[in-house]
């Protein structure tokens, strides 16, 4: 059940909604290659359905991410100051696994964007994937 903002009378209205799932879709020129990168990084599987221009990254919780071919794709230019970041993935990592996660990401083709030493409770490390999208490795907020 969802809650709708107040009506003119100031009372909140309840409304039923159909269950939905959302997935972030990244555009790139070579979806199979980018899908393999994220499948390896997330410990998931890349699946191509009936549309070869659309690849889903599927993990044990279902679809986690999707990649779509854009024939006119130009990589994002973030972090240049004249462009803003449109979106990025935040990949949560256990505190003790951050260095290992970083080595894995780089070995798969990620490029460090922000190389400052962020060790400590707010350790976040920023990279770009092989197609130029940014993502962050960050500590989980609570133990799993």
N, C-alpha and C. Protein backbone atom coordinates (compact mmCIF):
# COMPACT_ATOMS: atom_id res chain seq x y z
N UNK A 1 0.84 -1.17 0.00
CA UNK A 1 0.00 0.00 0.00
C UNK A 1 0.89 1.24 0.00
N UNK A 2 0.55 2.23 -0.75
CA UNK A 2 1.30 3.47 -0.82
C UNK A 2 0.48 4.59 -0.20
N UNK A 3 1.18 5.64 0.17
CA UNK A 3 0.50 6.80 0.73
C UNK A 3 0.64 7.94 -0.26
N UNK A 4 -0.48 8.55 -0.58
CA UNK A 4 -0.50 9.67 -1.51
C UNK A 4 -0.41 10.97 -0.69
N UNK A 5 0.24 12.00 -1.21
CA UNK A 5 0.33 13.28 -0.50
C UNK A 5 -1.06 13.82 -0.13
N UNK A 6 -1.10 14.75 0.80
CA UNK A 6 -2.39 15.26 1.27
C UNK A 6 -3.27 15.81 0.16
N UNK A 7 -4.55 15.52 0.26
CA UNK A 7 -5.53 16.10 -0.66
C UNK A 7 -5.78 17.54 -0.21
N UNK A 8 -6.64 18.22 -0.89
CA UNK A 8 -6.94 19.61 -0.55
C UNK A 8 -7.39 19.74 0.90
N UNK A 9 -8.02 18.69 1.43
CA UNK A 9 -8.51 18.75 2.80
C UNK A 9 -7.38 18.61 3.82
N UNK A 10 -6.16 18.26 3.34
CA UNK A 10 -5.02 18.11 4.24
C UNK A 10 -4.87 16.72 4.81
N UNK A 11 -5.77 15.80 4.47
CA UNK A 11 -5.66 14.43 4.97
C UNK A 11 -4.92 13.58 3.96
N UNK A 12 -4.13 12.65 4.47
CA UNK A 12 -3.39 11.72 3.61
C UNK A 12 -4.34 10.65 3.10
N UNK A 13 -4.20 10.30 1.84
CA UNK A 13 -5.02 9.26 1.24
C UNK A 13 -4.19 8.01 1.03
N UNK A 14 -4.79 6.85 1.26
CA UNK A 14 -4.12 5.59 0.99
C UNK A 14 -4.54 5.10 -0.38
N UNK A 15 -3.60 4.52 -1.09
CA UNK A 15 -3.93 3.96 -2.40
C UNK A 15 -3.19 2.65 -2.56
N UNK A 16 -3.79 1.72 -3.25
CA UNK A 16 -3.16 0.43 -3.53
C UNK A 16 -2.27 0.60 -4.75
N UNK A 17 -1.13 -0.07 -4.75
CA UNK A 17 -0.26 -0.05 -5.91
C UNK A 17 0.11 -1.47 -6.28
N UNK A 18 0.41 -1.66 -7.54
CA UNK A 18 0.86 -2.94 -8.04
C UNK A 18 2.32 -3.09 -7.64
N UNK A 19 2.72 -4.27 -7.18
CA UNK A 19 4.10 -4.50 -6.81
C UNK A 19 5.00 -4.26 -8.02
N UNK A 20 6.11 -3.60 -7.79
CA UNK A 20 7.02 -3.25 -8.86
C UNK A 20 8.45 -3.54 -8.43
N UNK A 21 9.31 -3.71 -9.41
CA UNK A 21 10.73 -3.84 -9.16
C UNK A 21 11.42 -2.89 -10.11
N UNK A 22 12.45 -2.23 -9.65
CA UNK A 22 13.16 -1.32 -10.54
C UNK A 22 14.57 -1.84 -10.75
N UNK A 23 15.15 -1.42 -11.84
CA UNK A 23 16.52 -1.80 -12.14
C UNK A 23 17.18 -0.62 -12.84
N UNK A 24 18.42 -0.34 -12.49
CA UNK A 24 19.18 0.69 -13.15
C UNK A 24 19.71 0.13 -14.46
N UNK A 25 19.53 0.86 -15.55
CA UNK A 25 19.99 0.44 -16.86
C UNK A 25 21.10 1.39 -17.30
N UNK A 26 22.25 0.83 -17.62
CA UNK A 26 23.37 1.62 -18.11
C UNK A 26 23.46 1.47 -19.62
N UNK A 27 23.65 2.58 -20.33
CA UNK A 27 23.84 2.55 -21.77
C UNK A 27 25.33 2.43 -22.08
N UNK A 28 25.66 1.76 -23.15
CA UNK A 28 27.04 1.66 -23.59
C UNK A 28 27.06 1.15 -25.03
N UNK A 29 28.24 1.14 -25.64
CA UNK A 29 28.36 0.67 -27.02
C UNK A 29 28.44 -0.85 -27.11
N UNK A 30 29.00 -1.50 -26.09
CA UNK A 30 29.21 -2.95 -26.12
C UNK A 30 28.61 -3.59 -24.87
N UNK A 31 27.30 -3.85 -24.87
CA UNK A 31 26.64 -4.31 -23.65
C UNK A 31 27.14 -5.66 -23.13
N UNK A 32 27.53 -6.56 -24.01
CA UNK A 32 27.99 -7.87 -23.55
C UNK A 32 29.25 -7.72 -22.70
N UNK A 33 30.19 -6.88 -23.14
CA UNK A 33 31.44 -6.69 -22.41
C UNK A 33 31.19 -6.02 -21.07
N UNK A 34 30.36 -4.98 -21.04
CA UNK A 34 30.09 -4.29 -19.78
C UNK A 34 29.31 -5.19 -18.84
N UNK A 35 28.40 -5.98 -19.38
CA UNK A 35 27.63 -6.92 -18.55
C UNK A 35 28.55 -7.94 -17.91
N UNK A 36 29.53 -8.44 -18.63
CA UNK A 36 30.47 -9.41 -18.06
C UNK A 36 31.29 -8.76 -16.94
N UNK A 37 31.67 -7.50 -17.11
CA UNK A 37 32.39 -6.77 -16.06
C UNK A 37 31.57 -6.74 -14.78
N UNK A 38 30.31 -6.28 -14.88
CA UNK A 38 29.47 -6.17 -13.69
C UNK A 38 29.07 -7.53 -13.13
N UNK A 39 28.86 -8.51 -13.98
CA UNK A 39 28.52 -9.85 -13.48
C UNK A 39 29.67 -10.39 -12.64
N UNK A 40 30.89 -10.22 -13.11
CA UNK A 40 32.05 -10.69 -12.34
C UNK A 40 32.21 -9.88 -11.06
N UNK A 41 32.04 -8.57 -11.13
CA UNK A 41 32.21 -7.71 -9.96
C UNK A 41 31.16 -7.99 -8.89
N UNK A 42 29.92 -8.28 -9.32
CA UNK A 42 28.82 -8.49 -8.37
C UNK A 42 28.59 -9.96 -8.04
N UNK A 43 29.38 -10.86 -8.61
CA UNK A 43 29.16 -12.28 -8.36
C UNK A 43 27.82 -12.73 -8.91
N UNK A 44 27.48 -12.27 -10.09
CA UNK A 44 26.18 -12.55 -10.70
C UNK A 44 26.40 -13.15 -12.08
N UNK A 45 25.34 -13.21 -12.87
CA UNK A 45 25.37 -13.81 -14.19
C UNK A 45 24.80 -12.82 -15.21
N UNK A 46 25.44 -12.73 -16.37
CA UNK A 46 24.92 -11.90 -17.45
C UNK A 46 23.98 -12.75 -18.30
N UNK A 47 22.77 -12.24 -18.55
CA UNK A 47 21.79 -12.98 -19.34
C UNK A 47 21.26 -12.12 -20.48
N UNK A 48 21.41 -12.64 -21.69
CA UNK A 48 20.85 -11.98 -22.86
C UNK A 48 19.53 -12.66 -23.18
N UNK A 49 18.48 -11.88 -23.29
CA UNK A 49 17.16 -12.43 -23.62
C UNK A 49 16.93 -12.39 -25.11
N UNK A 50 15.71 -12.09 -25.51
CA UNK A 50 15.36 -12.06 -26.93
C UNK A 50 15.92 -10.82 -27.63
N UNK A 51 16.24 -9.77 -26.87
CA UNK A 51 16.79 -8.56 -27.45
C UNK A 51 18.30 -8.54 -27.20
N UNK A 52 19.12 -8.74 -28.23
CA UNK A 52 20.57 -8.80 -28.04
C UNK A 52 21.18 -7.47 -27.61
N UNK A 53 20.42 -6.40 -27.69
CA UNK A 53 20.92 -5.09 -27.26
C UNK A 53 20.63 -4.81 -25.79
N UNK A 54 20.10 -5.79 -25.07
CA UNK A 54 19.73 -5.59 -23.66
C UNK A 54 20.19 -6.81 -22.87
N UNK A 55 21.06 -6.59 -21.89
CA UNK A 55 21.61 -7.68 -21.09
C UNK A 55 21.28 -7.40 -19.62
N UNK A 56 20.77 -8.42 -18.94
CA UNK A 56 20.47 -8.28 -17.51
C UNK A 56 21.57 -8.94 -16.70
N UNK A 57 21.90 -8.32 -15.58
CA UNK A 57 22.83 -8.89 -14.61
C UNK A 57 21.96 -9.47 -13.51
N UNK A 58 21.99 -10.80 -13.36
CA UNK A 58 21.08 -11.49 -12.45
C UNK A 58 21.88 -12.14 -11.34
N UNK A 59 21.50 -11.83 -10.10
CA UNK A 59 22.13 -12.42 -8.92
C UNK A 59 21.13 -13.24 -8.14
N UNK A 60 21.48 -13.60 -6.94
CA UNK A 60 20.60 -14.45 -6.14
C UNK A 60 19.34 -13.72 -5.68
N UNK A 61 19.26 -12.43 -5.86
CA UNK A 61 18.05 -11.66 -5.50
C UNK A 61 17.28 -11.20 -6.72
N UNK A 62 17.64 -11.73 -7.89
CA UNK A 62 16.95 -11.33 -9.11
C UNK A 62 17.80 -10.37 -9.92
N UNK A 63 17.17 -9.60 -10.78
CA UNK A 63 17.89 -8.66 -11.65
C UNK A 63 18.46 -7.55 -10.78
N UNK A 64 19.75 -7.33 -10.92
CA UNK A 64 20.42 -6.30 -10.14
C UNK A 64 20.76 -5.07 -10.97
N UNK A 65 20.92 -5.26 -12.27
CA UNK A 65 21.38 -4.21 -13.15
C UNK A 65 21.09 -4.66 -14.58
N UNK A 66 21.00 -3.72 -15.50
CA UNK A 66 20.84 -4.08 -16.91
C UNK A 66 21.72 -3.16 -17.74
N UNK A 67 22.12 -3.66 -18.89
CA UNK A 67 22.98 -2.93 -19.81
C UNK A 67 22.27 -2.88 -21.16
N UNK A 68 22.22 -1.69 -21.77
CA UNK A 68 21.52 -1.51 -23.05
C UNK A 68 22.47 -0.91 -24.07
N UNK A 69 22.44 -1.48 -25.29
CA UNK A 69 23.29 -0.94 -26.36
C UNK A 69 22.72 0.39 -26.84
N UNK A 70 23.62 1.37 -26.92
CA UNK A 70 23.30 2.66 -27.50
C UNK A 70 24.30 2.86 -28.62
N UNK A 71 23.84 2.80 -29.88
CA UNK A 71 24.75 2.86 -31.02
C UNK A 71 25.46 4.20 -31.13
N UNK A 72 24.93 5.23 -30.52
CA UNK A 72 25.58 6.54 -30.53
C UNK A 72 26.21 6.89 -29.20
N UNK A 73 26.54 5.90 -28.39
CA UNK A 73 27.01 6.11 -27.03
C UNK A 73 28.32 6.91 -26.97
N UNK A 74 28.35 7.89 -26.09
CA UNK A 74 29.57 8.63 -25.75
C UNK A 74 29.73 8.52 -24.24
N UNK A 75 30.90 8.08 -23.75
CA UNK A 75 31.08 7.90 -22.30
C UNK A 75 30.86 9.19 -21.53
N UNK A 76 30.37 9.08 -20.29
CA UNK A 76 30.22 10.28 -19.46
C UNK A 76 31.58 10.93 -19.24
N UNK A 77 31.60 12.22 -19.03
CA UNK A 77 32.86 12.92 -18.82
C UNK A 77 33.09 13.25 -17.36
N UNK A 78 32.18 12.85 -16.50
CA UNK A 78 32.37 13.07 -15.07
C UNK A 78 33.71 12.51 -14.67
N UNK A 79 34.51 13.11 -13.87
CA UNK A 79 34.22 14.21 -12.94
C UNK A 79 34.65 15.59 -13.41
N UNK A 80 34.64 15.84 -14.70
CA UNK A 80 34.99 17.19 -15.15
C UNK A 80 34.01 18.20 -14.56
N UNK A 81 34.49 19.36 -14.14
CA UNK A 81 33.60 20.33 -13.48
C UNK A 81 32.50 20.88 -14.37
N UNK A 82 32.66 20.85 -15.69
CA UNK A 82 31.62 21.41 -16.56
C UNK A 82 30.48 20.43 -16.83
N UNK A 83 30.60 19.21 -16.36
CA UNK A 83 29.52 18.23 -16.51
C UNK A 83 29.14 17.70 -15.14
N UNK A 84 27.91 17.34 -14.97
CA UNK A 84 27.49 16.78 -13.68
C UNK A 84 27.34 15.27 -13.80
N UNK A 85 27.51 14.61 -12.70
CA UNK A 85 27.32 13.16 -12.66
C UNK A 85 25.83 12.88 -12.76
N UNK A 86 25.44 12.01 -13.67
CA UNK A 86 24.03 11.70 -13.86
C UNK A 86 23.55 10.63 -12.90
N UNK A 87 24.36 9.60 -12.71
CA UNK A 87 24.02 8.50 -11.81
C UNK A 87 25.29 7.71 -11.57
N UNK A 88 25.32 6.98 -10.49
CA UNK A 88 26.42 6.07 -10.26
C UNK A 88 25.94 4.93 -9.38
N UNK A 89 26.65 3.81 -9.46
CA UNK A 89 26.33 2.67 -8.62
C UNK A 89 27.10 2.79 -7.32
N UNK A 90 26.48 2.43 -6.24
CA UNK A 90 27.14 2.36 -4.94
C UNK A 90 27.13 0.88 -4.56
N UNK A 91 28.29 0.26 -4.60
CA UNK A 91 28.42 -1.17 -4.32
C UNK A 91 28.91 -1.31 -2.88
N UNK A 92 28.10 -1.98 -2.07
CA UNK A 92 28.40 -2.10 -0.65
C UNK A 92 29.31 -3.29 -0.38
N UNK A 93 30.33 -3.05 0.45
CA UNK A 93 31.37 -4.02 0.74
C UNK A 93 31.55 -4.08 2.26
N UNK A 94 31.77 -5.27 2.79
CA UNK A 94 32.08 -5.40 4.22
C UNK A 94 33.37 -4.64 4.52
N UNK A 95 33.46 -4.04 5.69
CA UNK A 95 34.58 -3.18 6.07
C UNK A 95 35.94 -3.87 5.83
N UNK A 96 36.10 -5.10 6.23
CA UNK A 96 37.37 -5.79 6.09
C UNK A 96 37.69 -6.24 4.67
N UNK A 97 36.75 -6.09 3.76
CA UNK A 97 36.94 -6.57 2.39
C UNK A 97 37.21 -5.47 1.38
N UNK A 98 37.35 -4.23 1.83
CA UNK A 98 37.47 -3.09 0.91
C UNK A 98 38.70 -3.21 0.00
N UNK A 99 39.86 -3.50 0.55
CA UNK A 99 41.07 -3.59 -0.28
C UNK A 99 40.94 -4.72 -1.30
N UNK A 100 40.40 -5.85 -0.88
CA UNK A 100 40.21 -6.98 -1.80
C UNK A 100 39.21 -6.62 -2.90
N UNK A 101 38.13 -5.92 -2.53
CA UNK A 101 37.13 -5.50 -3.52
C UNK A 101 37.75 -4.54 -4.53
N UNK A 102 38.62 -3.66 -4.05
CA UNK A 102 39.29 -2.73 -4.95
C UNK A 102 40.20 -3.47 -5.92
N UNK A 103 41.00 -4.42 -5.43
CA UNK A 103 41.87 -5.19 -6.32
C UNK A 103 41.05 -5.94 -7.37
N UNK A 104 39.93 -6.51 -6.93
CA UNK A 104 39.07 -7.25 -7.86
C UNK A 104 38.51 -6.32 -8.94
N UNK A 105 37.99 -5.17 -8.53
CA UNK A 105 37.41 -4.22 -9.49
C UNK A 105 38.44 -3.78 -10.53
N UNK A 106 39.63 -3.44 -10.07
CA UNK A 106 40.68 -2.98 -10.98
C UNK A 106 41.12 -4.12 -11.90
N UNK A 107 41.23 -5.34 -11.37
CA UNK A 107 41.64 -6.47 -12.21
C UNK A 107 40.61 -6.78 -13.29
N UNK A 108 39.35 -6.41 -13.06
CA UNK A 108 38.28 -6.64 -14.04
C UNK A 108 38.19 -5.51 -15.07
N UNK A 109 38.92 -4.42 -14.86
CA UNK A 109 38.93 -3.34 -15.83
C UNK A 109 38.46 -1.99 -15.31
N UNK A 110 38.13 -1.89 -14.02
CA UNK A 110 37.74 -0.60 -13.46
C UNK A 110 38.95 0.32 -13.40
N UNK A 111 38.70 1.62 -13.54
CA UNK A 111 39.76 2.61 -13.45
C UNK A 111 39.49 3.53 -12.27
N UNK A 112 40.47 3.69 -11.36
CA UNK A 112 40.26 4.60 -10.23
C UNK A 112 40.02 6.02 -10.72
N UNK A 113 39.04 6.69 -10.13
CA UNK A 113 38.76 8.09 -10.46
C UNK A 113 39.27 8.96 -9.33
N UNK A 114 39.04 8.53 -8.11
CA UNK A 114 39.45 9.29 -6.93
C UNK A 114 40.42 8.40 -6.17
N UNK A 115 41.70 8.75 -6.17
CA UNK A 115 42.71 7.88 -5.57
C UNK A 115 43.16 8.34 -4.19
N UNK A 116 42.48 9.31 -3.60
CA UNK A 116 42.90 9.74 -2.27
C UNK A 116 42.68 8.61 -1.27
N UNK A 117 43.42 8.63 -0.19
CA UNK A 117 43.31 7.60 0.85
C UNK A 117 42.08 7.91 1.69
N UNK A 118 41.08 7.07 1.59
CA UNK A 118 39.83 7.27 2.32
C UNK A 118 39.67 6.29 3.47
N UNK A 119 40.75 5.71 3.95
CA UNK A 119 40.60 4.69 4.98
C UNK A 119 39.89 5.28 6.20
N UNK A 120 39.22 4.43 6.92
CA UNK A 120 38.48 4.86 8.09
C UNK A 120 37.01 4.55 7.93
N UNK A 121 36.18 5.08 8.83
CA UNK A 121 34.76 4.71 8.83
C UNK A 121 33.98 5.18 7.61
N UNK A 122 34.47 6.17 6.90
CA UNK A 122 33.76 6.66 5.71
C UNK A 122 34.50 6.31 4.42
N UNK A 123 35.22 5.22 4.44
CA UNK A 123 36.00 4.80 3.28
C UNK A 123 35.10 4.58 2.08
N UNK A 124 35.30 5.36 1.03
CA UNK A 124 34.61 5.22 -0.24
C UNK A 124 35.64 5.37 -1.33
N UNK A 125 35.56 4.52 -2.32
CA UNK A 125 36.53 4.55 -3.42
C UNK A 125 35.76 4.63 -4.73
N UNK A 126 36.12 5.59 -5.57
CA UNK A 126 35.38 5.89 -6.78
C UNK A 126 36.16 5.40 -8.00
N UNK A 127 35.45 4.76 -8.92
CA UNK A 127 36.03 4.18 -10.13
C UNK A 127 35.13 4.50 -11.31
N UNK A 128 35.67 4.24 -12.51
CA UNK A 128 34.81 4.21 -13.69
C UNK A 128 34.89 2.79 -14.25
N UNK A 129 33.76 2.32 -14.76
CA UNK A 129 33.72 0.98 -15.36
C UNK A 129 34.34 1.05 -16.76
N UNK A 130 34.49 -0.07 -17.45
CA UNK A 130 35.11 -0.04 -18.77
C UNK A 130 34.43 0.87 -19.80
N UNK A 131 33.14 1.20 -19.60
CA UNK A 131 32.44 2.09 -20.52
C UNK A 131 32.41 3.53 -20.03
N UNK A 132 33.02 3.81 -18.88
CA UNK A 132 33.12 5.18 -18.37
C UNK A 132 32.11 5.59 -17.32
N UNK A 133 31.17 4.70 -16.92
CA UNK A 133 30.21 5.03 -15.86
C UNK A 133 30.92 5.00 -14.51
N UNK A 134 30.56 5.90 -13.62
CA UNK A 134 31.20 5.89 -12.30
C UNK A 134 30.48 4.94 -11.36
N UNK A 135 31.25 4.37 -10.44
CA UNK A 135 30.69 3.59 -9.34
C UNK A 135 31.57 3.74 -8.13
N UNK A 136 31.00 3.48 -6.98
CA UNK A 136 31.70 3.63 -5.71
C UNK A 136 31.69 2.32 -4.96
N UNK A 137 32.82 1.95 -4.39
CA UNK A 137 32.87 0.88 -3.39
C UNK A 137 32.78 1.58 -2.05
N UNK A 138 31.84 1.17 -1.22
CA UNK A 138 31.64 1.81 0.08
C UNK A 138 31.33 0.74 1.13
N UNK A 139 31.62 1.09 2.38
CA UNK A 139 31.32 0.17 3.47
C UNK A 139 29.82 0.00 3.62
N UNK A 140 29.41 -1.22 4.01
CA UNK A 140 28.02 -1.43 4.35
C UNK A 140 27.72 -0.64 5.59
N UNK A 141 26.49 -0.16 5.73
CA UNK A 141 26.15 0.66 6.89
C UNK A 141 25.89 -0.17 8.14
N UNK A 142 25.59 -1.43 7.97
CA UNK A 142 25.32 -2.30 9.13
C UNK A 142 25.86 -3.68 8.82
N UNK A 143 26.27 -4.41 9.83
CA UNK A 143 26.75 -5.76 9.58
C UNK A 143 25.65 -6.63 9.00
N UNK A 144 26.03 -7.54 8.09
CA UNK A 144 25.04 -8.43 7.47
C UNK A 144 24.91 -9.69 8.27
